């Protein structure tokens, strides 16, 4: 997949820097952690919003919190648009993706 072939770099819009913390109690640093979850899942295909591809990511933080993250790519940088706790249906998707033999 194109988005993770290079080292991860995050870019934060100054106008939205604390939006996820205020709305959903998720810090920027915590939302970045899900990109390093070995069981993370990106829901395909990406959504289009004004011609921009938006990816949906489900993953676990270091504190074992399951998050739903919407992000886009800006060149080689990841820009998180939204991060919140998983809903019930999304939790089932993550649980199903992580079932099976450990690697």
N, C-alpha and C. Protein backbone atom coordinates (compact mmCIF):
# COMPACT_ATOMS: atom_id res chain seq x y z
N UNK A 1 0.84 -1.18 0.00
CA UNK A 1 0.00 0.00 0.00
C UNK A 1 0.89 1.24 0.00
N UNK A 2 0.59 2.18 -0.79
CA UNK A 2 1.38 3.39 -1.00
C UNK A 2 1.65 4.18 0.28
N UNK A 3 0.71 4.26 1.18
CA UNK A 3 0.85 5.20 2.28
C UNK A 3 1.89 4.84 3.32
N UNK A 4 2.33 3.59 3.41
CA UNK A 4 3.29 3.24 4.45
C UNK A 4 4.61 2.74 3.90
N UNK A 5 4.95 3.05 2.66
CA UNK A 5 6.22 2.60 2.10
C UNK A 5 7.39 3.42 2.60
N UNK A 6 7.16 4.66 3.00
CA UNK A 6 8.21 5.53 3.50
C UNK A 6 8.04 5.67 5.02
N UNK A 7 9.08 6.14 5.71
CA UNK A 7 8.92 6.37 7.15
C UNK A 7 7.76 7.33 7.41
N UNK A 8 7.06 7.09 8.51
CA UNK A 8 5.91 7.92 8.84
C UNK A 8 6.33 9.29 9.35
N UNK A 9 5.63 10.30 8.85
CA UNK A 9 5.82 11.67 9.31
C UNK A 9 4.43 12.26 9.43
N UNK A 10 4.17 12.93 10.53
CA UNK A 10 2.85 13.50 10.76
C UNK A 10 2.91 15.01 10.62
N UNK A 11 1.83 15.55 10.08
CA UNK A 11 1.70 16.99 9.87
C UNK A 11 0.39 17.41 10.51
N UNK A 12 0.43 18.45 11.31
CA UNK A 12 -0.76 18.92 12.02
C UNK A 12 -1.12 20.32 11.59
N UNK A 13 -2.38 20.51 11.22
CA UNK A 13 -2.91 21.82 10.86
C UNK A 13 -3.07 22.63 12.15
N UNK A 14 -2.46 23.79 12.21
CA UNK A 14 -2.51 24.62 13.43
C UNK A 14 -3.95 24.95 13.84
N UNK A 15 -4.83 25.14 12.87
CA UNK A 15 -6.22 25.46 13.17
C UNK A 15 -6.99 24.31 13.81
N UNK A 16 -6.52 23.08 13.60
CA UNK A 16 -7.21 21.89 14.13
C UNK A 16 -6.39 21.13 15.17
N UNK A 17 -5.31 21.74 15.65
CA UNK A 17 -4.35 21.03 16.51
C UNK A 17 -5.01 20.33 17.70
N UNK A 18 -5.93 20.96 18.40
CA UNK A 18 -6.53 20.36 19.60
C UNK A 18 -7.98 19.92 19.39
N UNK A 19 -8.43 19.88 18.16
CA UNK A 19 -9.83 19.54 17.87
C UNK A 19 -10.22 18.17 18.41
N UNK A 20 -9.39 17.16 18.19
CA UNK A 20 -9.74 15.80 18.64
C UNK A 20 -9.69 15.67 20.16
N UNK A 21 -8.83 16.42 20.80
CA UNK A 21 -8.76 16.42 22.25
C UNK A 21 -10.04 17.03 22.83
N UNK A 22 -10.46 18.15 22.29
CA UNK A 22 -11.66 18.83 22.77
C UNK A 22 -12.92 18.01 22.50
N UNK A 23 -13.05 17.49 21.29
CA UNK A 23 -14.27 16.77 20.90
C UNK A 23 -14.33 15.33 21.40
N UNK A 24 -13.18 14.64 21.40
CA UNK A 24 -13.20 13.20 21.66
C UNK A 24 -12.23 12.74 22.74
N UNK A 25 -11.48 13.65 23.34
CA UNK A 25 -10.54 13.27 24.39
C UNK A 25 -9.34 12.51 23.89
N UNK A 26 -8.95 12.74 22.61
CA UNK A 26 -7.82 12.05 22.00
C UNK A 26 -6.73 13.06 21.69
N UNK A 27 -5.54 12.86 22.27
CA UNK A 27 -4.43 13.77 21.98
C UNK A 27 -3.85 13.44 20.60
N UNK A 28 -3.11 14.39 20.05
CA UNK A 28 -2.46 14.17 18.76
C UNK A 28 -1.49 13.00 18.85
N UNK A 29 -0.73 12.94 19.93
CA UNK A 29 0.25 11.87 20.10
C UNK A 29 -0.43 10.50 20.16
N UNK A 30 -1.55 10.42 20.86
CA UNK A 30 -2.26 9.15 20.96
C UNK A 30 -2.82 8.73 19.60
N UNK A 31 -3.32 9.67 18.83
CA UNK A 31 -3.85 9.31 17.50
C UNK A 31 -2.74 8.82 16.59
N UNK A 32 -1.52 9.29 16.77
CA UNK A 32 -0.38 8.82 15.96
C UNK A 32 -0.01 7.38 16.31
N UNK A 33 -0.24 6.98 17.55
CA UNK A 33 0.15 5.64 18.00
C UNK A 33 -0.53 4.52 17.22
N UNK A 34 -1.75 4.72 16.75
CA UNK A 34 -2.47 3.64 16.06
C UNK A 34 -1.79 3.26 14.74
N UNK A 35 -1.01 4.16 14.18
CA UNK A 35 -0.31 3.85 12.93
C UNK A 35 0.80 2.81 13.14
N UNK A 36 1.19 2.59 14.38
CA UNK A 36 2.24 1.63 14.71
C UNK A 36 1.68 0.33 15.28
N UNK A 37 0.36 0.21 15.38
CA UNK A 37 -0.29 -1.02 15.85
C UNK A 37 -0.09 -2.09 14.78
N UNK A 38 0.52 -3.23 15.10
CA UNK A 38 0.73 -4.27 14.09
C UNK A 38 -0.58 -4.88 13.57
N UNK A 39 -1.68 -4.67 14.29
CA UNK A 39 -2.98 -5.21 13.87
C UNK A 39 -3.90 -4.15 13.28
N UNK A 40 -3.37 -2.96 13.04
CA UNK A 40 -4.21 -1.88 12.50
C UNK A 40 -4.85 -2.31 11.18
N UNK A 41 -5.96 -1.70 10.86
CA UNK A 41 -6.65 -1.99 9.60
C UNK A 41 -7.05 -0.69 8.94
N UNK A 42 -6.76 -0.59 7.66
CA UNK A 42 -7.21 0.54 6.85
C UNK A 42 -8.38 0.04 6.03
N UNK A 43 -9.49 0.74 6.12
CA UNK A 43 -10.68 0.35 5.39
C UNK A 43 -10.57 0.90 3.98
N UNK A 44 -10.68 0.00 3.01
CA UNK A 44 -10.55 0.37 1.60
C UNK A 44 -11.92 0.32 0.92
N UNK A 45 -12.14 1.05 -0.12
CA UNK A 45 -11.26 2.06 -0.72
C UNK A 45 -11.35 3.36 0.07
N UNK A 46 -10.41 4.26 -0.16
CA UNK A 46 -10.48 5.55 0.54
C UNK A 46 -11.69 6.35 0.07
N UNK A 47 -12.16 7.22 0.95
CA UNK A 47 -13.26 8.12 0.60
C UNK A 47 -12.69 9.32 -0.13
N UNK A 48 -13.51 9.94 -0.95
CA UNK A 48 -13.10 11.17 -1.62
C UNK A 48 -13.86 12.33 -1.02
N UNK A 49 -13.16 13.39 -0.67
CA UNK A 49 -13.79 14.59 -0.14
C UNK A 49 -13.15 15.78 -0.85
N UNK A 50 -13.87 16.36 -1.79
CA UNK A 50 -13.33 17.48 -2.54
C UNK A 50 -12.11 17.09 -3.36
N UNK A 51 -12.05 15.84 -3.84
CA UNK A 51 -10.92 15.37 -4.62
C UNK A 51 -9.79 14.82 -3.78
N UNK A 52 -9.88 14.93 -2.45
CA UNK A 52 -8.83 14.44 -1.55
C UNK A 52 -9.21 13.05 -1.03
N UNK A 53 -8.26 12.10 -1.11
CA UNK A 53 -8.51 10.77 -0.58
C UNK A 53 -8.41 10.81 0.94
N UNK A 54 -9.41 10.26 1.59
CA UNK A 54 -9.41 10.16 3.06
C UNK A 54 -9.48 8.69 3.43
N UNK A 55 -8.53 8.28 4.24
CA UNK A 55 -8.42 6.89 4.66
C UNK A 55 -9.01 6.72 6.05
N UNK A 56 -9.59 5.55 6.29
CA UNK A 56 -10.17 5.22 7.58
C UNK A 56 -9.29 4.14 8.21
N UNK A 57 -8.82 4.39 9.42
CA UNK A 57 -7.89 3.50 10.11
C UNK A 57 -8.47 3.11 11.46
N UNK A 58 -8.39 1.82 11.77
CA UNK A 58 -8.77 1.31 13.08
C UNK A 58 -7.52 0.73 13.71
N UNK A 59 -7.21 1.15 14.94
CA UNK A 59 -6.02 0.62 15.60
C UNK A 59 -6.04 0.86 17.09
N UNK A 60 -5.05 0.28 17.75
CA UNK A 60 -4.93 0.32 19.21
C UNK A 60 -3.74 1.20 19.61
N UNK A 61 -3.94 1.98 20.67
CA UNK A 61 -2.87 2.83 21.19
C UNK A 61 -2.03 2.04 22.19
N UNK A 62 -0.97 2.64 22.67
CA UNK A 62 -0.11 2.00 23.67
C UNK A 62 -0.87 1.75 24.97
N UNK A 63 -1.89 2.56 25.23
CA UNK A 63 -2.72 2.39 26.43
C UNK A 63 -3.88 1.41 26.20
N UNK A 64 -3.83 0.71 25.06
CA UNK A 64 -4.84 -0.30 24.69
C UNK A 64 -6.20 0.31 24.34
N UNK A 65 -6.23 1.56 24.02
CA UNK A 65 -7.47 2.24 23.60
C UNK A 65 -7.64 2.03 22.11
N UNK A 66 -8.82 1.60 21.69
CA UNK A 66 -9.10 1.40 20.27
C UNK A 66 -9.66 2.68 19.68
N UNK A 67 -9.02 3.14 18.58
CA UNK A 67 -9.42 4.40 17.95
C UNK A 67 -9.79 4.21 16.49
N UNK A 68 -10.65 5.09 16.03
CA UNK A 68 -11.06 5.21 14.64
C UNK A 68 -10.47 6.53 14.17
N UNK A 69 -9.57 6.47 13.18
CA UNK A 69 -8.85 7.66 12.73
C UNK A 69 -9.13 7.88 11.25
N UNK A 70 -9.47 9.10 10.90
CA UNK A 70 -9.62 9.51 9.50
C UNK A 70 -8.39 10.36 9.18
N UNK A 71 -7.72 10.03 8.07
CA UNK A 71 -6.52 10.78 7.72
C UNK A 71 -6.38 10.91 6.22
N UNK A 72 -5.51 11.80 5.81
CA UNK A 72 -5.19 11.98 4.40
C UNK A 72 -3.67 12.06 4.28
N UNK A 73 -3.19 11.94 3.07
CA UNK A 73 -1.75 12.06 2.81
C UNK A 73 -1.50 13.41 2.15
N UNK A 74 -0.51 14.10 2.64
CA UNK A 74 -0.06 15.36 2.04
C UNK A 74 1.40 15.16 1.66
N UNK A 75 1.63 14.76 0.44
CA UNK A 75 2.99 14.40 0.02
C UNK A 75 3.38 13.14 0.78
N UNK A 76 4.46 13.18 1.54
CA UNK A 76 4.89 12.02 2.31
C UNK A 76 4.43 12.10 3.77
N UNK A 77 3.61 13.10 4.10
CA UNK A 77 3.15 13.29 5.48
C UNK A 77 1.72 12.81 5.66
N UNK A 78 1.45 12.29 6.84
CA UNK A 78 0.11 11.89 7.23
C UNK A 78 -0.51 13.06 7.98
N UNK A 79 -1.71 13.45 7.57
CA UNK A 79 -2.45 14.50 8.28
C UNK A 79 -3.72 13.88 8.85
N UNK A 80 -3.79 13.80 10.19
CA UNK A 80 -4.96 13.26 10.86
C UNK A 80 -6.06 14.30 10.82
N UNK A 81 -7.24 13.87 10.37
CA UNK A 81 -8.39 14.75 10.29
C UNK A 81 -9.27 14.59 11.52
N UNK A 82 -9.48 13.35 11.94
CA UNK A 82 -10.33 13.07 13.09
C UNK A 82 -9.87 11.79 13.78
N UNK A 83 -10.00 11.75 15.11
CA UNK A 83 -9.67 10.56 15.88
C UNK A 83 -10.66 10.46 17.04
N UNK A 84 -11.25 9.27 17.20
CA UNK A 84 -12.24 9.06 18.27
C UNK A 84 -12.23 7.59 18.67
N UNK A 85 -12.93 7.28 19.77
CA UNK A 85 -13.08 5.89 20.19
C UNK A 85 -13.85 5.10 19.14
N UNK A 86 -13.58 3.81 19.07
CA UNK A 86 -14.32 2.95 18.15
C UNK A 86 -15.76 2.81 18.60
N UNK A 87 -16.66 2.72 17.63
CA UNK A 87 -18.04 2.37 17.90
C UNK A 87 -18.17 0.85 17.92
N UNK A 88 -19.35 0.34 18.23
CA UNK A 88 -19.57 -1.10 18.35
C UNK A 88 -19.28 -1.84 17.05
N UNK A 89 -19.78 -1.36 15.92
CA UNK A 89 -19.54 -2.02 14.63
C UNK A 89 -18.06 -2.00 14.26
N UNK A 90 -17.41 -0.88 14.51
CA UNK A 90 -15.98 -0.75 14.20
C UNK A 90 -15.15 -1.68 15.09
N UNK A 91 -15.56 -1.85 16.34
CA UNK A 91 -14.85 -2.75 17.25
C UNK A 91 -14.93 -4.18 16.73
N UNK A 92 -16.07 -4.57 16.19
CA UNK A 92 -16.22 -5.91 15.61
C UNK A 92 -15.27 -6.10 14.43
N UNK A 93 -15.12 -5.07 13.60
CA UNK A 93 -14.18 -5.13 12.47
C UNK A 93 -12.76 -5.36 12.96
N UNK A 94 -12.37 -4.63 13.99
CA UNK A 94 -11.01 -4.77 14.53
C UNK A 94 -10.83 -6.16 15.14
N UNK A 95 -11.82 -6.61 15.92
CA UNK A 95 -11.74 -7.94 16.54
C UNK A 95 -11.63 -9.03 15.48
N UNK A 96 -12.41 -8.91 14.42
CA UNK A 96 -12.38 -9.90 13.34
C UNK A 96 -11.01 -9.89 12.65
N UNK A 97 -10.46 -8.69 12.45
CA UNK A 97 -9.16 -8.58 11.78
C UNK A 97 -8.03 -9.15 12.59
N UNK A 98 -8.17 -9.17 13.91
CA UNK A 98 -7.09 -9.64 14.77
C UNK A 98 -7.27 -11.10 15.20
N UNK A 99 -8.35 -11.76 14.76
CA UNK A 99 -8.57 -13.17 15.07
C UNK A 99 -7.55 -14.01 14.30
N UNK A 100 -7.36 -15.21 14.77
CA UNK A 100 -6.51 -16.13 14.04
C UNK A 100 -5.16 -16.29 14.70
N UNK A 101 -4.28 -17.02 14.05
CA UNK A 101 -2.98 -17.31 14.65
C UNK A 101 -2.12 -16.07 14.80
N UNK A 102 -1.37 -16.02 15.88
CA UNK A 102 -0.43 -14.93 16.09
C UNK A 102 0.78 -15.12 15.19
N UNK A 103 1.37 -14.02 14.80
CA UNK A 103 2.57 -14.07 13.95
C UNK A 103 3.78 -13.67 14.75
